[in-house]
Every structure is written in structure tokens, then in C-alpha cells.
Amino acid sequence: MDSLRLLVLRLICADRAGGRVEVMDSRTLVLYDCTAWDSHCTDSVVARYPEARISVHSSRQSLSGFAVTVHMGRNPGRETGWVVVIGLFMAGCAYILLRPPWWSNQLLHI
């Protein structure tokens, strides 16, 4: 979480423009008092942390009037994709194991 916090502070140039990051728990941090958060910042965080979910919302606690929440969670779309791939693989294996062999019809005709 510390590397994510440093990345966010670097993206907003906190040393020059200000901004503060509060770590809420082991998976969530909130950015306050930053002057701007654009799509470049979001893309940079997601490129480094694909499981990050980012939301921008109004906040009276922030001097800029908005706050950015970054939550590190699992990506449900990615998990669903793997479930589908594994299910198809298992269905293929079951088909191969349970179908009669191709030579069984030939033995009956002999």
C-alpha cells in the first residue's frame, strides 16, 4: 500500500501542488486536497495496479472540493473469465473421458 501511496503523491506532484493521502485500511486509500485528478492519473494507477478501483467524489473534508478513493480489490471480470476457461477445459476433458472410443463400433462388426 505504501508504493501505491507514493505513486499517487508523485502523480499529483504533491511536493509542489499539495495534497494528502490517508490510508483507510490495508486495501483503501483516499486522496484529499489535490488540485486535479485526470484520466492520465487514473490510467497510470490502473496500469501499475490492475486490481485498483478508483472513484472521484465530492468531499467537504477536501480543500479542493473532491476526493479520490483508490480501493485495491479483485477484478470480478477477470475472475469470471478464468472460471469460464476452466469450465470449458473441464467439459472437454469430461467429453473425452466419457464418450465411447472410436474403435468400439469397429469391434462390433468383426
N, C-alpha and C. Protein backbone atom coordinates (compact mmCIF):
# COMPACT_ATOMS: atom_id res chain seq x y z
N MET A 1 0.83 -1.19 0.00
CA MET A 1 0.00 0.00 0.00
C MET A 1 0.87 1.26 0.00
N ASP A 2 2.06 1.13 0.56
CA ASP A 2 2.94 2.30 0.61
C ASP A 2 3.41 2.70 -0.78
N SER A 3 3.66 1.72 -1.64
CA SER A 3 4.10 2.05 -3.00
C SER A 3 2.97 2.72 -3.79
N LEU A 4 1.73 2.31 -3.55
CA LEU A 4 0.58 2.96 -4.18
C LEU A 4 0.45 4.40 -3.69
N ARG A 5 0.62 4.61 -2.40
CA ARG A 5 0.54 5.95 -1.83
C ARG A 5 1.60 6.86 -2.45
N LEU A 6 2.82 6.36 -2.58
CA LEU A 6 3.89 7.16 -3.19
C LEU A 6 3.61 7.45 -4.66
N LEU A 7 3.05 6.48 -5.38
CA LEU A 7 2.70 6.71 -6.78
C LEU A 7 1.65 7.81 -6.92
N VAL A 8 0.62 7.76 -6.09
CA VAL A 8 -0.43 8.78 -6.14
C VAL A 8 0.14 10.16 -5.82
N LEU A 9 0.98 10.26 -4.80
CA LEU A 9 1.58 11.54 -4.45
C LEU A 9 2.48 12.07 -5.56
N ARG A 10 3.18 11.16 -6.25
CA ARG A 10 4.03 11.58 -7.37
C ARG A 10 3.19 12.06 -8.55
N LEU A 11 2.07 11.37 -8.81
CA LEU A 11 1.21 11.74 -9.95
C LEU A 11 0.62 13.14 -9.79
N ILE A 12 0.27 13.51 -8.58
CA ILE A 12 -0.35 14.83 -8.37
C ILE A 12 0.67 15.91 -8.03
N CYS A 13 1.95 15.54 -8.06
CA CYS A 13 3.03 16.47 -7.72
C CYS A 13 2.78 17.11 -6.35
N ALA A 14 2.58 16.28 -5.37
CA ALA A 14 2.22 16.73 -4.02
C ALA A 14 3.30 17.62 -3.40
N ASP A 15 4.54 17.43 -3.79
CA ASP A 15 5.60 18.26 -3.23
C ASP A 15 5.49 19.72 -3.67
N ARG A 16 4.90 19.97 -4.85
CA ARG A 16 4.73 21.34 -5.34
C ARG A 16 3.30 21.85 -5.20
N ALA A 17 2.33 20.99 -5.52
CA ALA A 17 0.93 21.45 -5.59
C ALA A 17 0.13 21.11 -4.34
N GLY A 18 0.67 20.29 -3.48
CA GLY A 18 -0.06 19.90 -2.28
C GLY A 18 -0.90 18.66 -2.50
N GLY A 19 -1.56 18.26 -1.46
CA GLY A 19 -2.37 17.06 -1.48
C GLY A 19 -1.96 16.15 -0.34
N ARG A 20 -2.91 15.40 0.15
CA ARG A 20 -2.60 14.47 1.23
C ARG A 20 -3.33 13.16 0.98
N VAL A 21 -2.71 12.09 1.42
CA VAL A 21 -3.27 10.76 1.24
C VAL A 21 -3.46 10.14 2.62
N GLU A 22 -4.66 9.64 2.86
CA GLU A 22 -4.94 8.92 4.09
C GLU A 22 -5.18 7.45 3.74
N VAL A 23 -4.45 6.57 4.43
CA VAL A 23 -4.65 5.14 4.24
C VAL A 23 -5.75 4.72 5.21
N MET A 24 -6.89 4.30 4.67
CA MET A 24 -8.04 3.96 5.50
C MET A 24 -7.92 2.55 6.09
N ASP A 25 -7.48 1.60 5.29
CA ASP A 25 -7.24 0.24 5.74
C ASP A 25 -6.22 -0.38 4.80
N SER A 26 -6.04 -1.68 4.89
CA SER A 26 -4.99 -2.33 4.09
C SER A 26 -5.30 -2.37 2.60
N ARG A 27 -6.53 -1.98 2.19
CA ARG A 27 -6.91 -2.04 0.78
C ARG A 27 -7.43 -0.71 0.23
N THR A 28 -7.55 0.32 1.06
CA THR A 28 -8.19 1.55 0.61
C THR A 28 -7.36 2.77 1.03
N LEU A 29 -7.21 3.70 0.10
CA LEU A 29 -6.64 5.00 0.45
C LEU A 29 -7.47 6.10 -0.19
N VAL A 30 -7.45 7.27 0.45
CA VAL A 30 -8.24 8.41 -0.03
C VAL A 30 -7.31 9.60 -0.19
N LEU A 31 -7.42 10.26 -1.33
CA LEU A 31 -6.62 11.42 -1.66
C LEU A 31 -7.47 12.67 -1.48
N TYR A 32 -6.96 13.62 -0.68
CA TYR A 32 -7.65 14.89 -0.42
C TYR A 32 -6.76 16.05 -0.86
N ASP A 33 -7.38 17.19 -1.07
CA ASP A 33 -6.70 18.48 -1.28
C ASP A 33 -5.80 18.54 -2.50
N CYS A 34 -6.06 17.71 -3.51
CA CYS A 34 -5.25 17.80 -4.72
C CYS A 34 -5.93 18.76 -5.70
N THR A 35 -5.14 19.42 -6.51
CA THR A 35 -5.69 20.42 -7.42
C THR A 35 -6.37 19.80 -8.63
N ALA A 36 -5.91 18.63 -9.07
CA ALA A 36 -6.51 18.00 -10.25
C ALA A 36 -6.27 16.50 -10.22
N TRP A 37 -7.22 15.77 -10.77
CA TRP A 37 -7.08 14.32 -10.98
C TRP A 37 -7.71 14.05 -12.34
N ASP A 38 -6.90 13.70 -13.31
CA ASP A 38 -7.42 13.49 -14.66
C ASP A 38 -7.30 12.02 -15.07
N SER A 39 -7.67 11.73 -16.31
CA SER A 39 -7.65 10.36 -16.79
C SER A 39 -6.22 9.81 -16.85
N HIS A 40 -5.25 10.67 -17.05
CA HIS A 40 -3.86 10.22 -17.06
C HIS A 40 -3.48 9.62 -15.70
N CYS A 41 -3.91 10.25 -14.63
CA CYS A 41 -3.62 9.74 -13.29
C CYS A 41 -4.30 8.38 -13.08
N THR A 42 -5.56 8.29 -13.48
CA THR A 42 -6.29 7.04 -13.34
C THR A 42 -5.62 5.94 -14.16
N ASP A 43 -5.26 6.25 -15.40
CA ASP A 43 -4.62 5.26 -16.27
C ASP A 43 -3.28 4.80 -15.70
N SER A 44 -2.53 5.71 -15.11
CA SER A 44 -1.23 5.36 -14.54
C SER A 44 -1.37 4.42 -13.36
N VAL A 45 -2.36 4.69 -12.51
CA VAL A 45 -2.58 3.83 -11.35
C VAL A 45 -3.04 2.44 -11.80
N VAL A 46 -3.99 2.40 -12.74
CA VAL A 46 -4.53 1.11 -13.20
C VAL A 46 -3.47 0.32 -13.98
N ALA A 47 -2.58 1.00 -14.69
CA ALA A 47 -1.51 0.31 -15.41
C ALA A 47 -0.58 -0.40 -14.44
N ARG A 48 -0.32 0.22 -13.32
CA ARG A 48 0.58 -0.39 -12.32
C ARG A 48 -0.15 -1.35 -11.40
N TYR A 49 -1.41 -1.05 -11.09
CA TYR A 49 -2.21 -1.88 -10.19
C TYR A 49 -3.54 -2.20 -10.88
N PRO A 50 -3.61 -3.25 -11.70
CA PRO A 50 -4.83 -3.56 -12.46
C PRO A 50 -6.04 -3.85 -11.58
N GLU A 51 -5.83 -4.26 -10.35
CA GLU A 51 -6.96 -4.57 -9.47
C GLU A 51 -7.51 -3.34 -8.75
N ALA A 52 -6.95 -2.17 -9.03
CA ALA A 52 -7.39 -0.93 -8.37
C ALA A 52 -8.71 -0.44 -8.95
N ARG A 53 -9.62 -0.06 -8.06
CA ARG A 53 -10.87 0.59 -8.45
C ARG A 53 -10.81 2.02 -7.93
N ILE A 54 -11.01 2.97 -8.82
CA ILE A 54 -10.83 4.38 -8.49
C ILE A 54 -12.15 5.11 -8.65
N SER A 55 -12.50 5.90 -7.64
CA SER A 55 -13.70 6.72 -7.73
C SER A 55 -13.38 8.14 -7.27
N VAL A 56 -13.95 9.09 -7.97
CA VAL A 56 -13.80 10.50 -7.63
C VAL A 56 -15.16 10.99 -7.17
N HIS A 57 -15.19 11.63 -6.01
CA HIS A 57 -16.47 12.07 -5.45
C HIS A 57 -16.28 13.38 -4.71
N SER A 58 -17.36 14.11 -4.54
CA SER A 58 -17.29 15.38 -3.82
C SER A 58 -17.04 15.11 -2.34
N SER A 59 -16.31 16.04 -1.71
CA SER A 59 -15.98 15.87 -0.30
C SER A 59 -15.80 17.22 0.35
N ARG A 60 -16.47 17.41 1.46
CA ARG A 60 -16.30 18.66 2.22
C ARG A 60 -15.03 18.64 3.05
N GLN A 61 -14.45 17.48 3.24
CA GLN A 61 -13.21 17.36 4.01
C GLN A 61 -11.99 17.79 3.19
N SER A 62 -12.16 17.91 1.88
CA SER A 62 -11.06 18.26 1.00
C SER A 62 -11.13 19.73 0.63
N LEU A 63 -10.00 20.41 0.64
CA LEU A 63 -9.95 21.82 0.26
C LEU A 63 -10.31 22.04 -1.20
N SER A 64 -10.07 21.03 -2.03
CA SER A 64 -10.38 21.15 -3.46
C SER A 64 -11.84 20.83 -3.76
N GLY A 65 -12.57 20.30 -2.79
CA GLY A 65 -13.98 20.00 -3.00
C GLY A 65 -14.26 18.58 -3.48
N PHE A 66 -13.20 17.83 -3.75
CA PHE A 66 -13.39 16.44 -4.17
C PHE A 66 -12.31 15.57 -3.54
N ALA A 67 -12.58 14.28 -3.52
CA ALA A 67 -11.62 13.31 -3.02
C ALA A 67 -11.56 12.14 -4.01
N VAL A 68 -10.44 11.47 -4.02
CA VAL A 68 -10.24 10.33 -4.89
C VAL A 68 -10.02 9.11 -3.99
N THR A 69 -10.85 8.09 -4.17
CA THR A 69 -10.71 6.86 -3.39
C THR A 69 -10.14 5.77 -4.29
N VAL A 70 -9.10 5.12 -3.81
CA VAL A 70 -8.50 4.00 -4.53
C VAL A 70 -8.66 2.78 -3.65
N HIS A 71 -9.40 1.80 -4.17
CA HIS A 71 -9.63 0.56 -3.43
C HIS A 71 -8.98 -0.58 -4.19
N MET A 72 -8.13 -1.31 -3.50
CA MET A 72 -7.45 -2.44 -4.11
C MET A 72 -8.29 -3.68 -3.88
N GLY A 73 -8.99 -4.09 -4.90
CA GLY A 73 -9.83 -5.27 -4.81
C GLY A 73 -9.61 -6.15 -6.00
N ARG A 74 -10.26 -7.27 -5.99
CA ARG A 74 -10.15 -8.17 -7.12
C ARG A 74 -11.01 -7.67 -8.26
N ASN A 75 -10.58 -7.97 -9.44
CA ASN A 75 -11.31 -7.59 -10.64
C ASN A 75 -12.30 -8.71 -10.97
N PRO A 76 -13.63 -8.48 -10.78
CA PRO A 76 -14.58 -9.55 -11.00
C PRO A 76 -14.64 -10.04 -12.44
N GLY A 77 -14.41 -9.20 -13.40
CA GLY A 77 -14.41 -9.61 -14.80
C GLY A 77 -13.29 -10.58 -15.09
N ARG A 78 -12.16 -10.36 -14.51
CA ARG A 78 -11.01 -11.23 -14.72
C ARG A 78 -11.27 -12.60 -14.11
N GLU A 79 -11.84 -12.63 -12.91
CA GLU A 79 -12.15 -13.91 -12.26
C GLU A 79 -13.20 -14.68 -13.07
N THR A 80 -14.21 -13.99 -13.57
CA THR A 80 -15.25 -14.65 -14.35
C THR A 80 -14.65 -15.28 -15.61
N GLY A 81 -13.74 -14.60 -16.23
CA GLY A 81 -13.08 -15.13 -17.42
C GLY A 81 -12.34 -16.43 -17.13
N TRP A 82 -11.63 -16.46 -16.01
CA TRP A 82 -10.91 -17.69 -15.66
C TRP A 82 -11.87 -18.82 -15.33
N VAL A 83 -12.98 -18.52 -14.68
CA VAL A 83 -13.97 -19.55 -14.36
C VAL A 83 -14.51 -20.16 -15.66
N VAL A 84 -14.78 -19.33 -16.65
CA VAL A 84 -15.29 -19.82 -17.93
C VAL A 84 -14.24 -20.69 -18.62
N VAL A 85 -13.00 -20.26 -18.65
CA VAL A 85 -11.94 -21.02 -19.31
C VAL A 85 -11.76 -22.38 -18.63
N ILE A 86 -11.70 -22.40 -17.32
CA ILE A 86 -11.52 -23.66 -16.59
C ILE A 86 -12.73 -24.57 -16.79
N GLY A 87 -13.93 -23.99 -16.78
CA GLY A 87 -15.14 -24.79 -17.01
C GLY A 87 -15.16 -25.43 -18.38
N LEU A 88 -14.77 -24.68 -19.41
CA LEU A 88 -14.71 -25.25 -20.76
C LEU A 88 -13.66 -26.35 -20.86
N PHE A 89 -12.53 -26.14 -20.23
CA PHE A 89 -11.48 -27.15 -20.23
C PHE A 89 -11.97 -28.44 -19.56
N MET A 90 -12.61 -28.31 -18.42
CA MET A 90 -13.12 -29.49 -17.71
C MET A 90 -14.22 -30.18 -18.50
N ALA A 91 -15.07 -29.41 -19.18
CA ALA A 91 -16.11 -30.03 -20.00
C ALA A 91 -15.49 -30.81 -21.16
N GLY A 92 -14.45 -30.29 -21.76
CA GLY A 92 -13.74 -31.01 -22.82
C GLY A 92 -13.11 -32.29 -22.33
N CYS A 93 -12.50 -32.24 -21.15
CA CYS A 93 -11.91 -33.44 -20.57
C CYS A 93 -12.98 -34.48 -20.26
N ALA A 94 -14.11 -34.05 -19.71
CA ALA A 94 -15.19 -34.98 -19.40
C ALA A 94 -15.73 -35.62 -20.66
N TYR A 95 -15.86 -34.86 -21.73
CA TYR A 95 -16.34 -35.40 -23.01
C TYR A 95 -15.39 -36.47 -23.52
N ILE A 96 -14.11 -36.17 -23.47
CA ILE A 96 -13.12 -37.15 -23.97
C ILE A 96 -13.15 -38.42 -23.13
N LEU A 97 -13.29 -38.29 -21.83
CA LEU A 97 -13.27 -39.47 -20.95
C LEU A 97 -14.56 -40.28 -21.00
N LEU A 98 -15.70 -39.66 -21.21
CA LEU A 98 -16.98 -40.34 -21.11
C LEU A 98 -17.54 -40.84 -22.44
N ARG A 99 -17.07 -40.36 -23.56
CA ARG A 99 -17.59 -40.83 -24.85
C ARG A 99 -17.00 -42.19 -25.15
N PRO A 100 -17.72 -43.03 -25.89
CA PRO A 100 -17.16 -44.33 -26.24
C PRO A 100 -15.99 -44.16 -27.20
N PRO A 101 -15.04 -45.04 -27.13
CA PRO A 101 -13.88 -44.93 -28.03
C PRO A 101 -14.31 -45.06 -29.49
N TRP A 102 -13.55 -44.49 -30.39
CA TRP A 102 -13.88 -44.51 -31.82
C TRP A 102 -13.81 -45.92 -32.39
N TRP A 103 -13.03 -46.80 -31.77
CA TRP A 103 -12.87 -48.14 -32.30
C TRP A 103 -13.92 -49.11 -31.79
N SER A 104 -14.78 -48.70 -30.87
CA SER A 104 -15.76 -49.63 -30.31
C SER A 104 -16.77 -50.09 -31.37
N ASN A 105 -17.15 -49.24 -32.30
CA ASN A 105 -18.09 -49.62 -33.37
C ASN A 105 -17.44 -50.61 -34.33
N GLN A 106 -16.16 -50.50 -34.55
CA GLN A 106 -15.49 -51.41 -35.47
C GLN A 106 -15.38 -52.82 -34.88
N LEU A 107 -15.22 -52.94 -33.56
CA LEU A 107 -15.10 -54.25 -32.93
C LEU A 107 -16.43 -55.01 -32.98
N LEU A 108 -17.52 -54.30 -32.97
CA LEU A 108 -18.82 -54.96 -33.00
C LEU A 108 -19.11 -55.57 -34.37
N HIS A 109 -18.52 -55.06 -35.42
CA HIS A 109 -18.78 -55.55 -36.77
C HIS A 109 -17.87 -56.72 -37.17
N ILE A 110 -16.92 -57.06 -36.37
CA ILE A 110 -15.99 -58.15 -36.70
C ILE A 110 -16.56 -59.49 -36.33
